[in-house]
Amino acid sequence: AHKTCLTCEKDFAWRKKWRSCWERVLYCSERCRRNKKVA
């Protein structure tokens, strides 16, 4: 499965560490999550 990051708008893929919370994942990285307010 793939999603688009809300901050950088790049496509990112499912990761094993996200298996229990994939529905809640919105950002491709910690950096994008931190910069969400700036965007």
PDB file of all heavy atoms in Angstrom:
ATOM      1  N   ALA A   1       0.833  -1.207   0.000  1.00  0.00           N
ATOM      2  CA  ALA A   1       0.000   0.000   0.000  1.00  0.00           C
ATOM      3  C   ALA A   1       0.867   1.256   0.000  1.00  0.00           C
ATOM      4  O   ALA A   1       1.941   1.295   0.584  1.00  0.00           O
ATOM      5  CB  ALA A   1      -0.895  -0.006   1.221  1.00  0.00           C
ATOM      6  N   HIS A   2       0.369   2.301  -0.669  1.00  0.00           N
ATOM      7  CA  HIS A   2       1.063   3.586  -0.753  1.00  0.00           C
ATOM      8  C   HIS A   2       0.141   4.698  -0.296  1.00  0.00           C
ATOM      9  O   HIS A   2      -1.075   4.586  -0.398  1.00  0.00           O
ATOM     10  CB  HIS A   2       1.506   3.892  -2.173  1.00  0.00           C
ATOM     11  CG  HIS A   2       2.591   3.030  -2.699  1.00  0.00           C
ATOM     12  ND1 HIS A   2       3.336   2.207  -1.922  1.00  0.00           N
ATOM     13  CD2 HIS A   2       3.071   2.869  -3.946  1.00  0.00           C
ATOM     14  CE1 HIS A   2       4.225   1.591  -2.652  1.00  0.00           C
ATOM     15  NE2 HIS A   2       4.072   1.965  -3.903  1.00  0.00           N
ATOM     16  N   LYS A   3       0.743   5.778   0.198  1.00  0.00           N
ATOM     17  CA  LYS A   3       0.019   6.996   0.562  1.00  0.00           C
ATOM     18  C   LYS A   3       0.840   8.185   0.086  1.00  0.00           C
ATOM     19  O   LYS A   3       2.012   8.055  -0.230  1.00  0.00           O
ATOM     20  CB  LYS A   3      -0.163   7.118   2.080  1.00  0.00           C
ATOM     21  CG  LYS A   3      -1.177   6.177   2.659  1.00  0.00           C
ATOM     22  CD  LYS A   3      -1.396   6.506   4.115  1.00  0.00           C
ATOM     23  CE  LYS A   3      -2.441   5.603   4.722  1.00  0.00           C
ATOM     24  NZ  LYS A   3      -2.735   5.975   6.094  1.00  0.00           N
ATOM     25  N   THR A   4       0.229   9.372   0.105  1.00  0.00           N
ATOM     26  CA  THR A   4       0.923  10.604  -0.236  1.00  0.00           C
ATOM     27  C   THR A   4       1.099  11.421   1.028  1.00  0.00           C
ATOM     28  O   THR A   4       0.146  11.642   1.777  1.00  0.00           O
ATOM     29  CB  THR A   4       0.118  11.409  -1.271  1.00  0.00           C
ATOM     30  OG1 THR A   4      -0.084  10.591  -2.415  1.00  0.00           O
ATOM     31  CG2 THR A   4       0.862  12.658  -1.682  1.00  0.00           C
ATOM     32  N   CYS A   5       2.326  11.870   1.275  1.00  0.00           N
ATOM     33  CA  CYS A   5       2.655  12.665   2.454  1.00  0.00           C
ATOM     34  C   CYS A   5       1.941  14.013   2.386  1.00  0.00           C
ATOM     35  O   CYS A   5       1.928  14.665   1.334  1.00  0.00           O
ATOM     36  CB  CYS A   5       4.156  12.868   2.525  1.00  0.00           C
ATOM     37  SG  CYS A   5       4.689  13.879   3.913  1.00  0.00           S
ATOM     38  N   LEU A   6       1.358  14.459   3.480  1.00  0.00           N
ATOM     39  CA  LEU A   6       0.634  15.723   3.515  1.00  0.00           C
ATOM     40  C   LEU A   6       1.559  16.942   3.477  1.00  0.00           C
ATOM     41  O   LEU A   6       1.141  18.016   3.061  1.00  0.00           O
ATOM     42  CB  LEU A   6      -0.234  15.798   4.773  1.00  0.00           C
ATOM     43  CG  LEU A   6      -1.361  14.786   4.865  1.00  0.00           C
ATOM     44  CD1 LEU A   6      -2.106  14.958   6.184  1.00  0.00           C
ATOM     45  CD2 LEU A   6      -2.301  14.910   3.695  1.00  0.00           C
ATOM     46  N   THR A   7       2.805  16.785   3.869  1.00  0.00           N
ATOM     47  CA  THR A   7       3.737  17.903   3.899  1.00  0.00           C
ATOM     48  C   THR A   7       4.494  18.050   2.579  1.00  0.00           C
ATOM     49  O   THR A   7       4.446  19.102   1.949  1.00  0.00           O
ATOM     50  CB  THR A   7       4.742  17.747   5.048  1.00  0.00           C
ATOM     51  OG1 THR A   7       4.010  17.649   6.270  1.00  0.00           O
ATOM     52  CG2 THR A   7       5.678  18.931   5.129  1.00  0.00           C
ATOM     53  N   CYS A   8       5.175  16.994   2.162  1.00  0.00           N
ATOM     54  CA  CYS A   8       6.025  17.082   0.964  1.00  0.00           C
ATOM     55  C   CYS A   8       5.332  16.563  -0.297  1.00  0.00           C
ATOM     56  O   CYS A   8       5.861  16.703  -1.389  1.00  0.00           O
ATOM     57  CB  CYS A   8       7.325  16.325   1.182  1.00  0.00           C
ATOM     58  SG  CYS A   8       7.135  14.537   1.335  1.00  0.00           S
ATOM     59  N   GLU A   9       4.188  15.942  -0.129  1.00  0.00           N
ATOM     60  CA  GLU A   9       3.373  15.409  -1.224  1.00  0.00           C
ATOM     61  C   GLU A   9       4.080  14.333  -2.043  1.00  0.00           C
ATOM     62  O   GLU A   9       3.776  14.121  -3.207  1.00  0.00           O
ATOM     63  CB  GLU A   9       2.876  16.540  -2.123  1.00  0.00           C
ATOM     64  CG  GLU A   9       1.987  17.504  -1.377  1.00  0.00           C
ATOM     65  CD  GLU A   9       1.472  18.622  -2.250  1.00  0.00           C
ATOM     66  OE1 GLU A   9       1.816  18.674  -3.449  1.00  0.00           O
ATOM     67  OE2 GLU A   9       0.716  19.448  -1.739  1.00  0.00           O
ATOM     68  N   LYS A  10       5.034  13.629  -1.419  1.00  0.00           N
ATOM     69  CA  LYS A  10       5.696  12.510  -2.081  1.00  0.00           C
ATOM     70  C   LYS A  10       4.989  11.222  -1.700  1.00  0.00           C
ATOM     71  O   LYS A  10       4.395  11.107  -0.629  1.00  0.00           O
ATOM     72  CB  LYS A  10       7.163  12.424  -1.661  1.00  0.00           C
ATOM     73  CG  LYS A  10       7.999  13.548  -2.202  1.00  0.00           C
ATOM     74  CD  LYS A  10       9.449  13.356  -1.827  1.00  0.00           C
ATOM     75  CE  LYS A  10      10.293  14.502  -2.367  1.00  0.00           C
ATOM     76  NZ  LYS A  10      11.698  14.366  -1.987  1.00  0.00           N
ATOM     77  N   ASP A  11       5.078  10.238  -2.576  1.00  0.00           N
ATOM     78  CA  ASP A  11       4.467   8.939  -2.344  1.00  0.00           C
ATOM     79  C   ASP A  11       5.364   8.129  -1.401  1.00  0.00           C
ATOM     80  O   ASP A  11       6.587   8.151  -1.542  1.00  0.00           O
ATOM     81  CB  ASP A  11       4.320   8.220  -3.682  1.00  0.00           C
ATOM     82  CG  ASP A  11       3.421   7.025  -3.599  1.00  0.00           C
ATOM     83  OD1 ASP A  11       2.401   7.098  -2.882  1.00  0.00           O
ATOM     84  OD2 ASP A  11       3.735   6.009  -4.247  1.00  0.00           O
ATOM     85  N   PHE A  12       4.767   7.453  -0.415  1.00  0.00           N
ATOM     86  CA  PHE A  12       5.546   6.586   0.462  1.00  0.00           C
ATOM     87  C   PHE A  12       4.796   5.278   0.681  1.00  0.00           C
ATOM     88  O   PHE A  12       3.581   5.213   0.555  1.00  0.00           O
ATOM     89  CB  PHE A  12       5.890   7.271   1.794  1.00  0.00           C
ATOM     90  CG  PHE A  12       4.716   7.608   2.673  1.00  0.00           C
ATOM     91  CD1 PHE A  12       4.350   6.782   3.722  1.00  0.00           C
ATOM     92  CD2 PHE A  12       3.985   8.774   2.472  1.00  0.00           C
ATOM     93  CE1 PHE A  12       3.289   7.095   4.549  1.00  0.00           C
ATOM     94  CE2 PHE A  12       2.921   9.101   3.291  1.00  0.00           C
ATOM     95  CZ  PHE A  12       2.569   8.255   4.328  1.00  0.00           C
ATOM     96  N   ALA A  13       5.539   4.248   0.986  1.00  0.00           N
ATOM     97  CA  ALA A  13       4.996   2.898   1.076  1.00  0.00           C
ATOM     98  C   ALA A  13       4.823   2.447   2.527  1.00  0.00           C
ATOM     99  O   ALA A  13       5.463   2.961   3.443  1.00  0.00           O
ATOM    100  CB  ALA A  13       5.911   1.921   0.351  1.00  0.00           C
ATOM    101  N   TRP A  14       3.963   1.450   2.685  1.00  0.00           N
ATOM    102  CA  TRP A  14       3.701   0.820   3.973  1.00  0.00           C
ATOM    103  C   TRP A  14       4.992   0.253   4.544  1.00  0.00           C
ATOM    104  O   TRP A  14       5.846  -0.246   3.816  1.00  0.00           O
ATOM    105  CB  TRP A  14       2.697  -0.311   3.753  1.00  0.00           C
ATOM    106  CG  TRP A  14       2.318  -1.082   4.959  1.00  0.00           C
ATOM    107  CD1 TRP A  14       1.311  -0.797   5.817  1.00  0.00           C
ATOM    108  CD2 TRP A  14       2.919  -2.294   5.434  1.00  0.00           C
ATOM    109  NE1 TRP A  14       1.244  -1.753   6.795  1.00  0.00           N
ATOM    110  CE2 TRP A  14       2.226  -2.682   6.586  1.00  0.00           C
ATOM    111  CE3 TRP A  14       3.986  -3.071   4.990  1.00  0.00           C
ATOM    112  CZ2 TRP A  14       2.554  -3.824   7.300  1.00  0.00           C
ATOM    113  CZ3 TRP A  14       4.313  -4.207   5.715  1.00  0.00           C
ATOM    114  CH2 TRP A  14       3.600  -4.565   6.859  1.00  0.00           C
ATOM    115  N   ARG A  15       5.140   0.361   5.864  1.00  0.00           N
ATOM    116  CA  ARG A  15       6.283  -0.233   6.572  1.00  0.00           C
ATOM    117  C   ARG A  15       5.767  -1.171   7.641  1.00  0.00           C
ATOM    118  O   ARG A  15       4.689  -0.966   8.185  1.00  0.00           O
ATOM    119  CB  ARG A  15       7.137   0.848   7.241  1.00  0.00           C
ATOM    120  CG  ARG A  15       7.859   1.739   6.293  1.00  0.00           C
ATOM    121  CD  ARG A  15       8.743   2.661   7.101  1.00  0.00           C
ATOM    122  NE  ARG A  15       9.414   3.618   6.253  1.00  0.00           N
ATOM    123  CZ  ARG A  15      10.204   4.556   6.709  1.00  0.00           C
ATOM    124  NH1 ARG A  15      10.417   4.686   8.003  1.00  0.00           N
ATOM    125  NH2 ARG A  15      10.789   5.392   5.881  1.00  0.00           N
ATOM    126  N   LYS A  16       6.564  -2.157   7.962  1.00  0.00           N
ATOM    127  CA  LYS A  16       6.169  -3.147   8.952  1.00  0.00           C
ATOM    128  C   LYS A  16       5.869  -2.503  10.303  1.00  0.00           C
ATOM    129  O   LYS A  16       4.936  -2.898  10.992  1.00  0.00           O
ATOM    130  CB  LYS A  16       7.270  -4.198   9.102  1.00  0.00           C
ATOM    131  CG  LYS A  16       6.868  -5.370   9.944  1.00  0.00           C
ATOM    132  CD  LYS A  16       7.945  -6.441   9.937  1.00  0.00           C
ATOM    133  CE  LYS A  16       7.532  -7.631  10.761  1.00  0.00           C
ATOM    134  NZ  LYS A  16       8.561  -8.669  10.747  1.00  0.00           N
ATOM    135  N   LYS A  17       6.624  -1.467  10.677  1.00  0.00           N
ATOM    136  CA  LYS A  17       6.400  -0.817  11.971  1.00  0.00           C
ATOM    137  C   LYS A  17       5.060  -0.079  12.016  1.00  0.00           C
ATOM    138  O   LYS A  17       4.582   0.269  13.089  1.00  0.00           O
ATOM    139  CB  LYS A  17       7.553   0.116  12.324  1.00  0.00           C
ATOM    140  CG  LYS A  17       7.635   1.369  11.496  1.00  0.00           C
ATOM    141  CD  LYS A  17       8.779   2.233  12.003  1.00  0.00           C
ATOM    142  CE  LYS A  17       8.786   3.579  11.328  1.00  0.00           C
ATOM    143  NZ  LYS A  17       9.825   4.444  11.879  1.00  0.00           N
ATOM    144  N   TRP A  18       4.456   0.180  10.842  1.00  0.00           N
ATOM    145  CA  TRP A  18       3.160   0.868  10.779  1.00  0.00           C
ATOM    146  C   TRP A  18       1.993  -0.106  10.653  1.00  0.00           C
ATOM    147  O   TRP A  18       0.852   0.313  10.434  1.00  0.00           O
ATOM    148  CB  TRP A  18       3.130   1.815   9.581  1.00  0.00           C
ATOM    149  CG  TRP A  18       4.027   2.989   9.692  1.00  0.00           C
ATOM    150  CD1 TRP A  18       4.463   3.607  10.833  1.00  0.00           C
ATOM    151  CD2 TRP A  18       4.619   3.710   8.615  1.00  0.00           C
ATOM    152  NE1 TRP A  18       5.277   4.668  10.537  1.00  0.00           N
ATOM    153  CE2 TRP A  18       5.388   4.756   9.167  1.00  0.00           C
ATOM    154  CE3 TRP A  18       4.570   3.584   7.232  1.00  0.00           C
ATOM    155  CZ2 TRP A  18       6.094   5.654   8.385  1.00  0.00           C
ATOM    156  CZ3 TRP A  18       5.280   4.482   6.458  1.00  0.00           C
ATOM    157  CH2 TRP A  18       6.029   5.497   7.034  1.00  0.00           C
ATOM    158  N   ARG A  19       2.222  -1.410  10.783  1.00  0.00           N
ATOM    159  CA  ARG A  19       1.168  -2.397  10.529  1.00  0.00           C
ATOM    160  C   ARG A  19      -0.043  -2.225  11.433  1.00  0.00           C
ATOM    161  O   ARG A  19      -1.158  -2.480  11.021  1.00  0.00           O
ATOM    162  CB  ARG A  19       1.724  -3.807  10.626  1.00  0.00           C
ATOM    163  CG  ARG A  19       2.174  -4.197  12.002  1.00  0.00           C
ATOM    164  CD  ARG A  19       2.689  -5.623  12.047  1.00  0.00           C
ATOM    165  NE  ARG A  19       3.403  -5.804  13.296  1.00  0.00           N
ATOM    166  CZ  ARG A  19       4.616  -6.276  13.392  1.00  0.00           C
ATOM    167  NH1 ARG A  19       5.255  -6.656  12.318  1.00  0.00           N
ATOM    168  NH2 ARG A  19       5.202  -6.385  14.558  1.00  0.00           N
ATOM    169  N   SER A  20       0.141  -1.735  12.663  1.00  0.00           N
ATOM    170  CA  SER A  20      -0.993  -1.591  13.581  1.00  0.00           C
ATOM    171  C   SER A  20      -1.657  -0.216  13.496  1.00  0.00           C
ATOM    172  O   SER A  20      -2.742  -0.036  14.041  1.00  0.00           O
ATOM    173  CB  SER A  20      -0.538  -1.846  15.014  1.00  0.00           C
ATOM    174  OG  SER A  20       0.420  -0.882  15.389  1.00  0.00           O
ATOM    175  N   CYS A  21      -1.039   0.731  12.789  1.00  0.00           N
ATOM    176  CA  CYS A  21      -1.585   2.086  12.758  1.00  0.00           C
ATOM    177  C   CYS A  21      -1.538   2.724  11.368  1.00  0.00           C
ATOM    178  O   CYS A  21      -1.497   3.946  11.250  1.00  0.00           O
ATOM    179  CB  CYS A  21      -0.865   2.966  13.769  1.00  0.00           C
ATOM    180  SG  CYS A  21       0.901   3.151  13.435  1.00  0.00           S
ATOM    181  N   TRP A  22      -1.542   1.932  10.312  1.00  0.00           N
ATOM    182  CA  TRP A  22      -1.411   2.453   8.948  1.00  0.00           C
ATOM    183  C   TRP A  22      -2.492   3.477   8.602  1.00  0.00           C
ATOM    184  O   TRP A  22      -2.252   4.433   7.893  1.00  0.00           O
ATOM    185  CB  TRP A  22      -1.431   1.299   7.956  1.00  0.00           C
ATOM    186  CG  TRP A  22      -1.355   1.710   6.517  1.00  0.00           C
ATOM    187  CD1 TRP A  22      -2.302   1.496   5.570  1.00  0.00           C
ATOM    188  CD2 TRP A  22      -0.290   2.389   5.843  1.00  0.00           C
ATOM    189  NE1 TRP A  22      -1.894   1.988   4.357  1.00  0.00           N
ATOM    190  CE2 TRP A  22      -0.658   2.553   4.499  1.00  0.00           C
ATOM    191  CE3 TRP A  22       0.943   2.894   6.249  1.00  0.00           C
ATOM    192  CZ2 TRP A  22       0.158   3.190   3.564  1.00  0.00           C
ATOM    193  CZ3 TRP A  22       1.745   3.521   5.315  1.00  0.00           C
ATOM    194  CH2 TRP A  22       1.355   3.665   3.997  1.00  0.00           C
ATOM    195  N   GLU A  23      -3.681   3.316   9.139  1.00  0.00           N
ATOM    196  CA  GLU A  23      -4.780   4.249   8.867  1.00  0.00           C
ATOM    197  C   GLU A  23      -4.482   5.643   9.409  1.00  0.00           C
ATOM    198  O   GLU A  23      -4.952   6.633   8.875  1.00  0.00           O
ATOM    199  CB  GLU A  23      -6.096   3.749   9.473  1.00  0.00           C
ATOM    200  CG  GLU A  23      -6.574   2.421   8.932  1.00  0.00           C
ATOM    201  CD  GLU A  23      -5.883   1.239   9.578  1.00  0.00           C
ATOM    202  OE1 GLU A  23      -5.408   1.355  10.728  1.00  0.00           O
ATOM    203  OE2 GLU A  23      -5.787   0.196   8.908  1.00  0.00           O
ATOM    204  N   ARG A  24      -3.693   5.728  10.475  1.00  0.00           N
ATOM    205  CA  ARG A  24      -3.385   7.011  11.107  1.00  0.00           C
ATOM    206  C   ARG A  24      -2.105   7.663  10.589  1.00  0.00           C
ATOM    207  O   ARG A  24      -1.830   8.811  10.923  1.00  0.00           O
ATOM    208  CB  ARG A  24      -3.280   6.823  12.617  1.00  0.00           C
ATOM    209  CG  ARG A  24      -4.593   6.388  13.257  1.00  0.00           C
ATOM    210  CD  ARG A  24      -4.480   6.349  14.758  1.00  0.00           C
ATOM    211  NE  ARG A  24      -3.292   5.669  15.219  1.00  0.00           N
ATOM    212  CZ  ARG A  24      -3.261   4.541  15.909  1.00  0.00           C
ATOM    213  NH1 ARG A  24      -4.377   3.962  16.256  1.00  0.00           N
ATOM    214  NH2 ARG A  24      -2.123   4.000  16.278  1.00  0.00           N
ATOM    215  N   VAL A  25      -1.322   6.953   9.791  1.00  0.00           N
ATOM    216  CA  VAL A  25      -0.066   7.497   9.266  1.00  0.00           C
ATOM    217  C   VAL A  25      -0.386   8.532   8.186  1.00  0.00           C
ATOM    218  O   VAL A  25      -1.108   8.251   7.238  1.00  0.00           O
ATOM    219  CB  VAL A  25       0.822   6.382   8.678  1.00  0.00           C
ATOM    220  CG1 VAL A  25       2.057   6.959   8.025  1.00  0.00           C
ATOM    221  CG2 VAL A  25       1.208   5.388   9.758  1.00  0.00           C
ATOM    222  N   LEU A  26       0.135   9.748   8.356  1.00  0.00           N
ATOM    223  CA  LEU A  26      -0.131  10.844   7.421  1.00  0.00           C
ATOM    224  C   LEU A  26       1.133  11.399   6.775  1.00  0.00           C
ATOM    225  O   LEU A  26       1.055  12.053   5.738  1.00  0.00           O
ATOM    226  CB  LEU A  26      -0.844  11.983   8.152  1.00  0.00           C
ATOM    227  CG  LEU A  26      -2.168  11.635   8.814  1.00  0.00           C
ATOM    228  CD1 LEU A  26      -2.677  12.827   9.600  1.00  0.00           C
ATOM    229  CD2 LEU A  26      -3.177  11.174   7.789  1.00  0.00           C
ATOM    230  N   TYR A  27       2.294  11.159   7.401  1.00  0.00           N
ATOM    231  CA  TYR A  27       3.544  11.764   6.954  1.00  0.00           C
ATOM    232  C   TYR A  27       4.566  10.686   6.657  1.00  0.00           C
ATOM    233  O   TYR A  27       4.601   9.651   7.321  1.00  0.00           O
ATOM    234  CB  TYR A  27       4.079  12.715   8.023  1.00  0.00           C
ATOM    235  CG  TYR A  27       3.050  13.743   8.432  1.00  0.00           C
ATOM    236  CD1 TYR A  27       2.307  13.594   9.589  1.00  0.00           C
ATOM    237  CD2 TYR A  27       2.796  14.843   7.626  1.00  0.00           C
ATOM    238  CE1 TYR A  27       1.348  14.517   9.950  1.00  0.00           C
ATOM    239  CE2 TYR A  27       1.836  15.778   7.971  1.00  0.00           C
ATOM    240  CZ  TYR A  27       1.112  15.606   9.130  1.00  0.00           C
ATOM    241  OH  TYR A  27       0.153  16.530   9.464  1.00  0.00           O
ATOM    242  N   CYS A  28       5.440  10.943   5.689  1.00  0.00           N
ATOM    243  CA  CYS A  28       6.420   9.945   5.267  1.00  0.00           C
ATOM    244  C   CYS A  28       7.597   9.828   6.229  1.00  0.00           C
ATOM    245  O   CYS A  28       8.290   8.814   6.253  1.00  0.00           O
ATOM    246  CB  CYS A  28       6.924  10.262   3.866  1.00  0.00           C
ATOM    247  SG  CYS A  28       7.834  11.820   3.725  1.00  0.00           S
ATOM    248  N   SER A  29       7.828  10.871   7.030  1.00  0.00           N
ATOM    249  CA  SER A  29       8.989  10.859   7.918  1.00  0.00           C
ATOM    250  C   SER A  29       8.732  11.727   9.148  1.00  0.00           C
ATOM    251  O   SER A  29       7.779  12.505   9.196  1.00  0.00           O
ATOM    252  CB  SER A  29      10.219  11.402   7.182  1.00  0.00           C
ATOM    253  OG  SER A  29      10.012  12.763   6.850  1.00  0.00           O
ATOM    254  N   GLU A  30       9.604  11.588  10.102  1.00  0.00           N
ATOM    255  CA  GLU A  30       9.543  12.413  11.311  1.00  0.00           C
ATOM    256  C   GLU A  30       9.764  13.883  10.959  1.00  0.00           C
ATOM    257  O   GLU A  30       9.140  14.773  11.529  1.00  0.00           O
ATOM    258  CB  GLU A  30      10.606  11.933  12.305  1.00  0.00           C
ATOM    259  CG  GLU A  30      10.492  12.541  13.667  1.00  0.00           C
ATOM    260  CD  GLU A  30       9.239  12.139  14.421  1.00  0.00           C
ATOM    261  OE1 GLU A  30       8.678  11.072  14.138  1.00  0.00           O
ATOM    262  OE2 GLU A  30       8.812  12.922  15.287  1.00  0.00           O
ATOM    263  N   ARG A  31      10.636  14.133  10.008  1.00  0.00           N
ATOM    264  CA  ARG A  31      10.902  15.503   9.576  1.00  0.00           C
ATOM    265  C   ARG A  31       9.641  16.161   9.000  1.00  0.00           C
ATOM    266  O   ARG A  31       9.330  17.306   9.318  1.00  0.00           O
ATOM    267  CB  ARG A  31      12.013  15.502   8.535  1.00  0.00           C
ATOM    268  CG  ARG A  31      12.379  16.871   8.043  1.00  0.00           C
ATOM    269  CD  ARG A  31      13.495  16.786   7.044  1.00  0.00           C
ATOM    270  NE  ARG A  31      13.864  18.098   6.582  1.00  0.00           N
ATOM    271  CZ  ARG A  31      14.816  18.342   5.718  1.00  0.00           C
ATOM    272  NH1 ARG A  31      15.500  17.344   5.217  1.00  0.00           N
ATOM    273  NH2 ARG A  31      15.081  19.554   5.347  1.00  0.00           N
ATOM    274  N   CYS A  32       8.913  15.448   8.174  1.00  0.00           N
ATOM    275  CA  CYS A  32       7.663  15.993   7.616  1.00  0.00           C
ATOM    276  C   CYS A  32       6.616  16.188   8.707  1.00  0.00           C
ATOM    277  O   CYS A  32       5.866  17.163   8.681  1.00  0.00           O
ATOM    278  CB  CYS A  32       7.127  15.082   6.516  1.00  0.00           C
ATOM    279  SG  CYS A  32       7.970  15.311   4.948  1.00  0.00           S
ATOM    280  N   ARG A  33       6.570  15.283   9.666  1.00  0.00           N
ATOM    281  CA  ARG A  33       5.615  15.431  10.762  1.00  0.00           C
ATOM    282  C   ARG A  33       5.922  16.679  11.580  1.00  0.00           C
ATOM    283  O   ARG A  33       5.021  17.433  11.950  1.00  0.00           O
ATOM    284  CB  ARG A  33       5.629  14.194  11.670  1.00  0.00           C
ATOM    285  CG  ARG A  33       4.521  14.223  12.719  1.00  0.00           C
ATOM    286  CD  ARG A  33       4.640  13.078  13.699  1.00  0.00           C
ATOM    287  NE  ARG A  33       5.829  13.170  14.519  1.00  0.00           N
ATOM    288  CZ  ARG A  33       5.967  13.977  15.576  1.00  0.00           C
ATOM    289  NH1 ARG A  33       4.990  14.771  15.932  1.00  0.00           N
ATOM    290  NH2 ARG A  33       7.089  13.999  16.263  1.00  0.00           N
ATOM    291  N   ARG A  34       7.210  16.935  11.835  1.00  0.00           N
ATOM    292  CA  ARG A  34       7.604  18.130  12.596  1.00  0.00           C
ATOM    293  C   ARG A  34       7.339  19.416  11.824  1.00  0.00           C
ATOM    294  O   ARG A  34       7.037  20.435  12.426  1.00  0.00           O
ATOM    295  CB  ARG A  34       9.088  18.064  12.945  1.00  0.00           C
ATOM    296  CG  ARG A  34       9.378  17.170  14.099  1.00  0.00           C
ATOM    297  CD  ARG A  34      10.819  17.351  14.550  1.00  0.00           C
ATOM    298  NE  ARG A  34      11.367  16.071  14.924  1.00  0.00           N
ATOM    299  CZ  ARG A  34      12.394  15.466  14.339  1.00  0.00           C
ATOM    300  NH1 ARG A  34      13.033  16.042  13.357  1.00  0.00           N
ATOM    301  NH2 ARG A  34      12.801  14.295  14.741  1.00  0.00           N
ATOM    302  N   ASN A  35       7.465  19.377  10.527  1.00  0.00           N
ATOM    303  CA  ASN A  35       7.301  20.563   9.691  1.00  0.00           C
ATOM    304  C   ASN A  35       5.869  20.778   9.224  1.00  0.00           C
ATOM    305  O   ASN A  35       5.621  21.671   8.429  1.00  0.00           O
ATOM    306  CB  ASN A  35       8.225  20.486   8.474  1.00  0.00           C
ATOM    307  CG  ASN A  35       9.667  20.611   8.862  1.00  0.00           C
ATOM    308  OD1 ASN A  35      10.001  21.291   9.825  1.00  0.00           O
ATOM    309  ND2 ASN A  35      10.534  19.942   8.139  1.00  0.00           N
ATOM    310  N   LYS A  36       4.933  20.011   9.729  1.00  0.00           N
ATOM    311  CA  LYS A  36       3.548  20.132   9.276  1.00  0.00           C
ATOM    312  C   LYS A  36       2.966  21.509   9.574  1.00  0.00           C
ATOM    313  O   LYS A  36       2.205  22.037   8.786  1.00  0.00           O
ATOM    314  CB  LYS A  36       2.671  19.059   9.897  1.00  0.00           C
ATOM    315  CG  LYS A  36       2.498  19.181  11.397  1.00  0.00           C
ATOM    316  CD  LYS A  36       1.700  18.033  11.945  1.00  0.00           C
ATOM    317  CE  LYS A  36       1.666  18.102  13.455  1.00  0.00           C
ATOM    318  NZ  LYS A  36       1.045  16.942  14.020  1.00  0.00           N
ATOM    319  N   LYS A  37       3.340  22.134  10.682  1.00  0.00           N
ATOM    320  CA  LYS A  37       2.821  23.458  11.025  1.00  0.00           C
ATOM    321  C   LYS A  37       3.331  24.507  10.047  1.00  0.00           C
ATOM    322  O   LYS A  37       2.612  25.412   9.681  1.00  0.00           O
ATOM    323  CB  LYS A  37       3.207  23.830  12.450  1.00  0.00           C
ATOM    324  CG  LYS A  37       2.532  22.965  13.480  1.00  0.00           C
ATOM    325  CD  LYS A  37       2.965  23.313  14.870  1.00  0.00           C
ATOM    326  CE  LYS A  37       2.337  22.361  15.877  1.00  0.00           C
ATOM    327  NZ  LYS A  37       2.818  22.581  17.218  1.00  0.00           N
ATOM    328  N   VAL A  38       4.565  24.364   9.609  1.00  0.00           N
ATOM    329  CA  VAL A  38       5.141  25.299   8.649  1.00  0.00           C
ATOM    330  C   VAL A  38       4.388  25.194   7.319  1.00  0.00           C
ATOM    331  O   VAL A  38       4.036  26.190   6.718  1.00  0.00           O
ATOM    332  CB  VAL A  38       6.647  25.009   8.448  1.00  0.00           C
ATOM    333  CG1 VAL A  38       7.213  25.860   7.335  1.00  0.00           C
ATOM    334  CG2 VAL A  38       7.389  25.235   9.735  1.00  0.00           C
ATOM    335  N   ALA A  39       4.111  23.986   6.874  1.00  0.00           N
ATOM    336  CA  ALA A  39       3.416  23.788   5.607  1.00  0.00           C
ATOM    337  C   ALA A  39       1.986  24.309   5.694  1.00  0.00           C
ATOM    338  O   ALA A  39       1.485  24.941   4.771  1.00  0.00           O
ATOM    339  CB  ALA A  39       3.409  22.307   5.238  1.00  0.00           C
TER     340      ALA A  39
END
